[in-house]
Protein backbone atom coordinates (compact mmCIF):
# COMPACT_ATOMS: atom_id res chain seq x y z
CA SER A 1 22.60 -10.97 -63.97
CA PHE A 2 21.98 -9.56 -60.67
CA THR A 3 22.86 -11.63 -57.67
CA GLY A 4 23.13 -9.32 -55.04
CA GLN A 5 26.52 -10.26 -54.48
CA PRO A 6 29.56 -8.23 -55.40
CA LYS A 7 31.55 -9.55 -58.73
CA SER A 8 34.86 -8.39 -56.45
CA LEU A 9 36.53 -6.06 -54.14
CA LEU A 10 36.22 -3.30 -56.98
CA ASP A 11 32.54 -3.37 -57.50
CA GLY A 12 31.48 -0.11 -57.79
CA ILE A 13 34.74 1.58 -57.43
CA PRO A 14 35.61 4.26 -59.25
CA LEU A 15 38.32 3.73 -62.11
CA ALA A 16 40.53 6.06 -64.07
CA VAL A 17 42.84 5.06 -66.98
CA LYS A 18 45.73 6.97 -68.59
CA ASP A 19 44.87 7.89 -72.26
CA ASN A 20 46.92 5.71 -74.02
CA PHE A 21 44.63 2.83 -73.05
CA CYS A 22 42.02 1.81 -75.14
CA ALA A 23 38.31 1.82 -74.42
CA GLU A 24 36.12 1.09 -77.11
CA GLY A 25 33.94 4.25 -78.31
CA ILE A 26 35.85 6.23 -75.79
CA THR A 27 38.20 9.20 -77.49
CA THR A 28 41.75 7.66 -76.95
CA THR A 29 44.34 10.58 -77.72
CA CYS A 30 47.63 9.71 -76.14
CA GLY A 31 47.94 14.02 -75.81
CA SER A 32 48.67 13.95 -79.16
CA SER A 33 47.09 15.78 -81.88
CA MET A 34 48.00 13.13 -84.38
CA LEU A 35 45.24 10.78 -82.31
CA LYS A 36 42.80 13.81 -81.31
CA HIS A 37 39.81 12.48 -82.82
CA PHE A 38 41.04 8.47 -82.45
CA VAL A 39 37.97 5.97 -81.27
CA PRO A 40 39.22 2.44 -80.54
CA THR A 41 36.52 -0.35 -81.68
CA TYR A 42 38.49 -2.39 -78.70
CA THR A 43 39.02 -2.30 -75.12
CA ALA A 44 42.71 -2.73 -73.75
CA THR A 45 42.60 -6.45 -72.01
CA VAL A 46 43.41 -4.83 -68.30
CA VAL A 47 40.72 -2.25 -68.52
CA GLU A 48 38.15 -5.14 -69.68
CA ARG A 49 38.92 -7.28 -66.63
CA LEU A 50 38.67 -4.35 -64.12
CA LEU A 51 35.35 -3.29 -65.59
CA ASP A 52 34.47 -6.95 -65.46
CA ALA A 53 35.26 -7.12 -61.71
CA GLY A 54 32.95 -4.29 -61.42
CA ALA A 55 35.22 -1.23 -61.60
CA LEU A 56 33.19 2.33 -62.76
CA LEU A 57 35.49 3.85 -65.80
CA ILE A 58 34.40 7.67 -65.05
CA GLY A 59 37.15 8.83 -67.40
CA LYS A 60 41.11 8.75 -68.86
CA CYS A 61 43.30 10.83 -67.68
CA ASN A 62 46.32 13.24 -69.05
CA LEU A 63 49.67 12.22 -69.77
CA ASP A 64 52.77 13.56 -71.46
CA GLU A 65 52.17 12.99 -75.61
CA PHE A 66 52.97 9.48 -76.38
CA ALA A 67 54.04 8.69 -72.64
CA MET A 68 56.97 10.67 -73.75
CA GLY A 69 58.01 12.48 -70.70
CA SER A 70 58.38 12.80 -67.00
CA GLY A 71 56.48 15.89 -65.86
CA THR A 72 52.92 15.87 -67.84
CA VAL A 73 53.41 18.70 -69.33
CA ASP A 74 53.84 18.08 -73.00
CA SER A 75 50.09 17.21 -74.12
CA ILE A 76 47.62 18.73 -76.18
CA HIS A 77 45.38 19.02 -73.20
CA GLY A 78 47.65 21.11 -71.38
CA PRO A 79 50.11 20.47 -67.94
CA THR A 80 48.86 18.71 -65.17
CA LYS A 81 48.97 20.64 -61.99
CA ASN A 82 49.93 18.55 -58.69
CA ILE A 83 47.27 18.68 -56.10
CA TRP A 84 50.03 19.15 -53.08
CA ASN A 85 50.83 22.39 -51.98
CA SER A 86 49.97 23.98 -55.10
CA ASN A 87 48.27 27.34 -56.11
CA ILE A 88 47.86 29.59 -59.25
CA ARG A 89 51.27 31.29 -58.45
CA TYR A 90 53.39 28.34 -56.87
CA THR A 91 53.00 25.33 -58.99
CA ARG A 92 54.41 22.21 -58.91
CA ILE A 93 54.82 19.10 -61.35
CA ALA A 94 52.72 16.15 -61.13
CA GLY A 95 55.70 14.18 -62.79
CA GLY A 96 54.96 11.77 -65.52
CA SER A 97 54.02 10.55 -67.63
CA SER A 98 51.34 9.40 -66.02
CA GLY A 99 50.89 12.56 -63.78
CA GLY A 100 46.85 12.39 -64.58
CA CYS A 101 46.61 9.27 -63.10
CA ALA A 102 48.55 10.50 -59.74
CA VAL A 103 46.48 13.21 -59.32
CA ALA A 104 43.36 11.60 -59.91
CA VAL A 105 44.23 9.23 -56.77
CA ALA A 106 45.67 11.67 -54.70
CA SER A 107 43.17 14.04 -55.02
CA GLY A 108 40.20 11.44 -54.40
CA SER A 109 38.71 11.72 -57.69
CA CYS A 110 38.89 7.54 -58.05
CA PHE A 111 40.12 4.85 -55.80
CA VAL A 112 42.07 3.45 -58.57
CA ALA A 113 44.35 4.40 -61.88
CA LEU A 114 45.81 2.64 -64.48
CA GLY A 115 48.97 3.93 -65.87
CA SER A 116 51.98 3.01 -68.04
CA ASP A 117 55.19 2.39 -67.22
CA THR A 118 58.24 2.19 -69.35
CA GLY A 119 60.78 3.91 -67.52
CA GLY A 120 58.92 4.82 -64.44
CA SER A 121 56.30 6.52 -65.77
CA THR A 122 53.90 5.17 -63.00
CA ARG A 123 56.22 5.02 -59.62
CA ASN A 124 57.54 9.26 -60.69
CA PRO A 125 54.44 10.41 -60.82
CA ALA A 126 53.23 8.10 -57.77
CA SER A 127 56.13 9.37 -55.71
CA TYR A 128 55.66 13.45 -56.52
CA CYS A 129 51.94 12.93 -55.60
CA GLY A 130 52.18 11.15 -52.25
CA VAL A 131 50.30 7.69 -53.65
CA VAL A 132 51.35 4.25 -54.31
CA GLY A 133 52.83 3.39 -57.88
CA LEU A 134 53.24 -0.43 -58.73
CA LYS A 135 55.53 -1.40 -61.89
CA PRO A 136 54.59 -5.35 -61.99
CA THR A 137 57.15 -7.90 -63.52
CA TYR A 138 57.22 -7.28 -67.49
CA SER A 139 55.21 -10.37 -69.07
CA SER A 140 53.06 -10.79 -65.88
CA VAL A 141 50.33 -8.06 -67.21
CA SER A 142 48.81 -7.80 -70.69
CA ARG A 143 49.57 -4.66 -72.62
CA TYR A 144 46.88 -5.53 -75.20
CA GLY A 145 45.14 -2.21 -76.07
CA LEU A 146 48.21 0.10 -74.54
CA ILE A 147 49.30 2.21 -77.38
CA PRO A 148 52.97 1.08 -77.36
CA LEU A 149 55.93 3.29 -76.64
CA VAL A 150 58.39 0.83 -76.06
CA ASN A 151 57.16 -2.61 -76.57
CA SER A 152 60.22 -4.27 -74.71
CA MET A 153 59.86 -2.30 -71.37
CA ASP A 154 56.39 -1.14 -71.39
CA VAL A 155 54.15 -2.42 -68.29
CA PRO A 156 50.68 -1.30 -67.30
CA GLY A 157 51.28 0.67 -63.90
CA ILE A 158 48.92 0.56 -61.04
CA LEU A 159 48.57 3.93 -58.80
CA THR A 160 46.25 3.52 -55.46
CA ARG A 161 46.22 4.80 -52.45
CA THR A 162 47.33 2.29 -50.48
CA VAL A 163 49.58 -1.03 -50.89
CA GLU A 164 46.41 -3.40 -50.09
CA ASP A 165 44.42 -1.59 -52.85
CA ALA A 166 47.30 -1.97 -55.08
CA ALA A 167 47.45 -5.90 -55.01
CA ILE A 168 43.81 -6.57 -55.07
CA VAL A 169 44.16 -4.38 -58.73
CA TYR A 170 47.19 -6.53 -59.46
CA ASN A 171 45.29 -9.89 -58.71
CA ILE A 172 42.48 -8.83 -61.27
CA ILE A 173 44.70 -7.88 -64.11
CA SER A 174 47.61 -9.97 -64.04
CA GLY A 175 47.99 -13.25 -65.99
CA PRO A 176 48.15 -14.80 -69.37
CA ASP A 177 46.39 -13.18 -71.78
CA ILE A 178 45.92 -14.62 -75.76
CA LYS A 179 46.25 -11.58 -77.47
CA ASP A 180 49.23 -10.83 -75.86
CA SER A 181 52.23 -13.31 -76.53
CA THR A 182 54.80 -12.20 -73.82
CA THR A 183 52.44 -13.16 -71.06
CA VAL A 184 53.09 -16.04 -69.19
CA PRO A 185 50.84 -18.52 -67.09
CA GLY A 186 51.31 -19.59 -63.54
CA ILE A 187 51.23 -15.74 -61.91
CA LYS A 188 51.01 -16.28 -58.32
CA LYS A 189 48.54 -14.07 -56.73
CA VAL A 190 49.44 -11.84 -54.00
CA SER A 191 48.01 -12.37 -50.65
CA LEU A 192 48.95 -9.58 -47.60
CA THR A 193 48.10 -10.43 -44.38
CA PRO A 194 48.57 -8.18 -41.49
CA GLU A 195 50.89 -10.75 -39.27
CA TYR A 196 53.58 -9.84 -41.83
CA ASN A 197 56.84 -8.89 -40.31
CA PRO A 198 60.54 -8.52 -41.86
CA GLN A 199 62.53 -10.02 -39.90
CA LYS A 200 65.53 -11.78 -41.71
CA ILE A 201 64.36 -10.25 -44.87
CA LYS A 202 67.35 -8.86 -46.74
CA ILE A 203 67.21 -5.75 -47.84
CA GLY A 204 70.08 -4.19 -50.23
CA ILE A 205 70.83 -0.40 -50.43
CA PRO A 206 72.51 -0.05 -54.04
CA LEU A 207 75.15 2.31 -53.73
CA GLU A 208 75.21 3.30 -57.13
CA TYR A 209 71.71 5.37 -56.56
CA PHE A 210 72.60 7.45 -53.95
CA CYS A 211 74.79 9.57 -56.30
CA GLU A 212 75.18 13.63 -56.97
CA GLY A 213 71.63 14.94 -57.73
CA ILE A 214 69.65 13.37 -55.00
CA SER A 215 68.41 15.41 -52.43
CA ASP A 216 69.56 15.29 -48.51
CA GLU A 217 66.13 15.37 -47.86
CA VAL A 218 64.97 11.98 -50.33
CA ILE A 219 68.57 10.31 -48.55
CA GLU A 220 67.11 11.62 -45.34
CA THR A 221 63.95 9.68 -46.16
CA CYS A 222 65.69 6.15 -47.17
CA GLU A 223 67.79 6.58 -44.48
CA LEU A 224 64.46 6.99 -42.20
CA VAL A 225 62.94 3.83 -43.92
CA MET A 226 66.36 1.69 -43.38
CA HIS A 227 65.87 2.41 -39.38
CA ILE A 228 62.34 1.56 -39.00
CA LEU A 229 63.67 -2.06 -40.92
CA LYS A 230 66.77 -2.29 -39.03
CA GLN A 231 64.03 -2.19 -35.95
CA GLY A 232 61.72 -4.60 -37.28
CA GLY A 233 64.37 -7.10 -37.43
CA ALA A 234 65.20 -6.89 -41.41
CA ASP A 235 69.12 -7.17 -42.34
CA LEU A 236 70.22 -4.69 -44.37
CA SER A 237 73.52 -4.67 -46.50
CA MET A 238 75.25 -2.61 -49.21
CA VAL A 239 74.88 -4.01 -52.58
CA SER A 240 76.57 -2.88 -55.75
CA LEU A 241 74.74 -2.86 -59.38
CA PRO A 242 77.82 -1.76 -61.01
CA HIS A 243 76.51 -1.15 -64.41
CA THR A 244 73.71 1.29 -63.44
CA GLY A 245 75.95 4.52 -64.50
CA TYR A 246 75.43 3.40 -68.03
CA SER A 247 71.68 2.78 -67.72
CA VAL A 248 70.48 5.88 -68.84
CA ALA A 249 72.28 6.30 -72.21
CA CYS A 250 71.40 2.41 -72.42
CA TYR A 251 67.78 3.19 -72.14
CA SER A 252 67.75 6.56 -74.37
CA VAL A 253 69.17 4.58 -77.14
CA LEU A 254 66.91 1.57 -77.13
CA ASN A 255 63.71 3.95 -76.36
CA GLN A 256 64.08 5.92 -79.40
CA CYS A 257 64.76 3.18 -81.61
CA GLU A 258 61.67 1.48 -80.64
CA VAL A 259 59.67 4.78 -80.68
CA ALA A 260 60.93 5.31 -84.27
CA SER A 261 59.82 1.68 -85.14
CA ASN A 262 56.09 2.32 -83.20
CA MET A 263 55.48 5.80 -84.48
CA ALA A 264 55.81 4.17 -88.04
CA ARG A 265 52.08 3.56 -88.43
CA TYR A 266 51.14 7.13 -88.02
CA ASP A 267 51.56 8.16 -90.95
CA GLY A 268 47.87 9.76 -92.28
CA LEU A 269 46.90 7.01 -94.30
CA ARG A 270 44.91 4.52 -92.01
CA TYR A 271 43.89 6.68 -89.04
CA GLY A 272 44.63 9.71 -87.07
CA TYR A 273 45.39 12.97 -88.22
CA ARG A 274 45.77 13.64 -91.89
CA ALA A 275 47.50 16.67 -93.12
CA ASN A 276 45.65 18.50 -96.44
CA GLU A 277 46.43 19.56 -99.84
CA CYS A 278 49.74 17.73 -100.33
CA THR A 279 51.18 17.19 -103.62
CA SER A 280 53.03 13.66 -103.11
CA THR A 281 53.13 10.86 -100.86
CA ASN A 282 56.46 12.16 -99.07
CA LYS A 283 54.81 15.54 -98.86
CA LEU A 284 51.70 13.77 -96.83
CA TYR A 285 54.16 12.19 -94.83
CA SER A 286 56.39 15.34 -93.60
CA GLU A 287 53.31 17.27 -93.41
CA THR A 288 51.00 14.56 -90.95
CA ARG A 289 53.67 13.99 -88.67
CA LYS A 290 54.81 17.71 -88.55
CA GLY A 291 51.26 18.66 -87.63
CA GLY A 292 50.51 15.42 -85.34
CA PHE A 293 53.24 15.07 -83.56
CA ASN A 294 55.12 17.55 -81.07
CA TYR A 295 58.75 18.51 -80.93
CA VAL A 296 59.81 15.78 -78.52
CA VAL A 297 58.12 12.86 -80.36
CA ARG A 298 59.70 14.04 -83.88
CA GLY A 299 62.98 14.31 -82.14
CA ARG A 300 62.70 11.03 -80.71
CA ILE A 301 61.78 9.42 -83.88
CA LEU A 302 64.95 11.35 -85.82
CA ALA A 303 67.16 9.91 -82.94
CA GLY A 304 66.16 6.53 -83.37
CA ASN A 305 66.19 6.46 -87.01
CA PHE A 306 69.54 7.35 -87.05
CA PHE A 307 70.72 5.14 -84.49
CA LEU A 308 69.35 2.57 -87.03
CA LEU A 309 70.88 3.01 -89.62
CA GLN A 310 72.86 0.62 -91.42
CA LYS A 311 76.05 2.34 -90.59
CA ASN A 312 75.20 3.12 -86.82
CA TYR A 313 73.22 0.04 -85.83
CA GLN A 314 75.94 -2.15 -84.41
CA GLN A 315 77.62 0.85 -83.05
CA TYR A 316 74.59 2.32 -80.67
CA PHE A 317 71.35 -0.33 -80.73
CA GLU A 318 73.39 -3.67 -81.02
CA LYS A 319 75.52 -2.05 -78.11
CA ALA A 320 72.83 -0.83 -76.05
CA LEU A 321 71.31 -4.50 -76.16
CA GLN A 322 74.58 -5.83 -74.78
CA VAL A 323 74.75 -3.22 -72.15
CA ARG A 324 70.73 -3.81 -71.07
CA ARG A 325 71.91 -7.44 -70.55
CA LEU A 326 74.68 -6.26 -68.11
CA ILE A 327 72.01 -4.56 -66.48
CA SER A 328 69.83 -7.33 -66.14
CA ASN A 329 72.87 -9.47 -64.77
CA ASP A 330 73.71 -6.83 -62.10
CA PHE A 331 70.29 -7.47 -60.62
CA LYS A 332 70.12 -11.66 -61.16
CA ARG A 333 73.58 -11.23 -59.00
CA ALA A 334 71.90 -8.90 -56.35
CA TRP A 335 69.02 -11.37 -56.21
CA GLU A 336 71.52 -14.50 -55.04
CA LYS A 337 72.32 -12.18 -52.01
CA VAL A 338 69.02 -9.90 -51.03
CA ASP A 339 65.34 -10.35 -51.19
CA ILE A 340 64.36 -6.62 -51.93
CA LEU A 341 66.29 -3.82 -53.30
CA LEU A 342 65.49 -0.14 -51.65
CA THR A 343 66.36 3.13 -53.45
CA PRO A 344 65.00 6.57 -53.95
CA THR A 345 62.24 6.84 -56.83
CA THR A 346 62.74 10.19 -57.48
CA PRO A 347 65.83 12.73 -56.86
CA SER A 348 63.76 15.42 -55.03
CA GLU A 349 60.18 16.38 -54.14
CA ALA A 350 58.30 17.64 -57.18
CA PRO A 351 60.01 20.43 -58.97
CA LEU A 352 58.20 24.04 -59.64
CA PHE A 353 56.67 23.90 -62.83
CA ASP A 354 59.05 27.09 -64.15
CA GLU A 355 62.46 25.17 -62.69
CA PHE A 356 61.18 21.81 -64.65
CA LEU A 357 61.02 23.91 -67.81
CA LYS A 358 64.72 25.44 -67.66
CA LEU A 359 66.01 21.93 -69.46
CA ASP A 360 64.53 19.96 -72.14
CA ASN A 361 62.54 17.25 -72.06
CA ARG A 362 65.40 14.73 -72.68
CA ALA A 363 67.71 16.34 -70.03
CA GLN A 364 64.71 15.91 -67.71
CA CYS A 365 64.09 12.48 -68.29
CA SER A 366 67.41 11.54 -67.93
CA ILE A 367 67.27 12.82 -64.06
CA GLN A 368 63.83 11.72 -63.42
CA ASP A 369 64.42 8.29 -64.68
CA TYR A 370 67.53 7.85 -63.01
CA CYS A 371 66.23 5.59 -59.91
CA THR A 372 63.74 4.37 -62.07
CA GLN A 373 64.43 2.80 -65.50
CA PRO A 374 66.82 -0.04 -64.49
CA ALA A 375 63.68 -1.92 -63.09
CA ASN A 376 62.30 -1.77 -66.80
CA MET A 377 65.77 -3.18 -68.10
CA ALA A 378 65.71 -5.80 -65.67
CA GLY A 379 62.02 -6.40 -66.46
CA CYS A 380 61.38 -7.03 -62.31
CA PRO A 381 58.92 -5.47 -60.10
CA ALA A 382 58.77 -2.12 -58.43
CA VAL A 383 56.85 -0.08 -55.97
CA SER A 384 56.77 3.47 -55.51
CA LEU A 385 55.61 4.21 -51.62
CA PRO A 386 55.31 7.34 -49.57
CA ILE A 387 56.68 7.71 -46.81
CA LYS A 388 56.76 11.66 -45.41
CA LEU A 389 56.47 15.28 -46.18
CA SER A 390 59.34 17.56 -47.39
CA LYS A 391 59.95 20.85 -45.53
CA ASN A 392 57.73 22.09 -48.28
CA GLY A 393 54.81 20.02 -47.24
CA MET A 394 55.46 17.94 -50.55
CA PRO A 395 55.62 14.21 -50.62
CA LEU A 396 58.76 12.14 -50.38
CA SER A 397 58.96 8.51 -51.50
CA ILE A 398 61.20 5.64 -51.56
CA GLN A 399 61.68 2.91 -54.15
CA LEU A 400 61.55 -0.98 -53.46
CA MET A 401 62.40 -3.77 -55.99
CA ALA A 402 62.33 -7.68 -55.85
CA PRO A 403 63.01 -10.45 -58.14
CA ASN A 404 60.95 -11.15 -61.12
CA TYR A 405 57.28 -12.23 -60.21
CA ASN A 406 57.74 -11.72 -56.31
CA GLU A 407 54.98 -9.34 -56.20
CA GLN A 408 54.01 -11.20 -53.45
CA GLY A 409 57.41 -10.68 -51.16
CA LEU A 410 57.38 -6.56 -52.57
CA LEU A 411 53.91 -5.77 -51.45
CA SER A 412 54.28 -7.77 -48.13
CA ILE A 413 56.88 -5.31 -47.11
CA ALA A 414 55.80 -2.19 -48.84
CA GLN A 415 52.59 -2.58 -46.39
CA TRP A 416 54.49 -3.22 -43.63
CA ILE A 417 56.26 0.15 -43.99
CA GLU A 418 53.22 1.64 -44.86
CA HIS A 419 51.77 0.86 -41.39
CA GLN A 420 54.89 2.06 -39.75
CA VAL A 421 55.06 5.53 -41.44
CA CYS A 422 51.17 6.62 -41.24
CA PHE A 423 51.73 8.48 -44.38
CA PRO A 424 49.09 11.45 -44.15
CA THR A 425 46.14 11.20 -46.75
CA LEU A 426 45.79 14.46 -48.66
CA LYS A 427 42.42 16.64 -47.32
CA ILE A 428 40.82 18.34 -50.07
CA CYS A 429 38.57 21.16 -49.06
CA LEU A 430 35.43 22.14 -51.17
């Protein structure tokens, strides 16, 4: 009923969601021929909570097929173009896999977009498109209605223009959900205040994140933020996360194993694409997958099934689980010494489209996810924050990470930095 009062701070605010979140009666394709005509009969919890808060769903956003990518270049809808400093002949990637969401927010098409984040899929495009990208703590936000990629790492992500907007959205979508048994009660809401200052906050700088492949401009951007924090009274120190170097290989194995499991449901029998004129069940399975999945998805399924073979299970899958625990323990030890970790988000400014395609999907994901996927392995919250523009006029960002469930501390210092750097808002000329 109409009360004359806004339902929330998001009442009437345009919202876009990545096309792997279900919304009742709206086609949800995951950027794949497999789900080209799939219309769900239910709505994802996070979408439902935002709609109940008065947000207006204006549409779905493009992604790499089934969120398997870091450029939003592998979709049945075509690639997504970065809106910053791009033209027809000089086009840069938007990042991925939530590239459509990042462009929607950067262009002002919406104020809020929901992405997903499995290895950096919210933070990567946020970095390249100059917006805020928040990956909440695993289990703080319901995954119900998010078509799964890697169940043990998937988290709904938030893309906005400001940290304050991200906090508002987080407060609405976080909290337990009976439809997702991984969610936990007692999630604290974030309350940001203009009086916050970083005095005596302990900031850790992980040595392993400043490695070969990180551009000079990105390193300079991180050093600029370090200087600003030091001037503000923060206590900066170098820390070590010694197993970071194994993280990409570990993530790759676990990712592909869970992909193989999750993609098994697309068999041509229950829903989704179904190949015609198949003379046997085996033929139906193979032709359906050949026609419904692109080469990236098929490759991950094959690799995952290889790792899960009985003869390989212990050597690959179990070893990867052990390494994941070591990586998680690195973070736990770091939190005993510092409150926040500061790292790059991406290795450079947004690559040119042609340059990006010179490497295959697997190689690019290994490069693009290096700084972001450890947070998914540990489950901790992380945010990508735009800081300044590169010499080419492209956004450069940093990443901040905090202990599990400390979104309050994470977003408080992120907002303080945001106010110091005053990153320019993209102006769209119509």
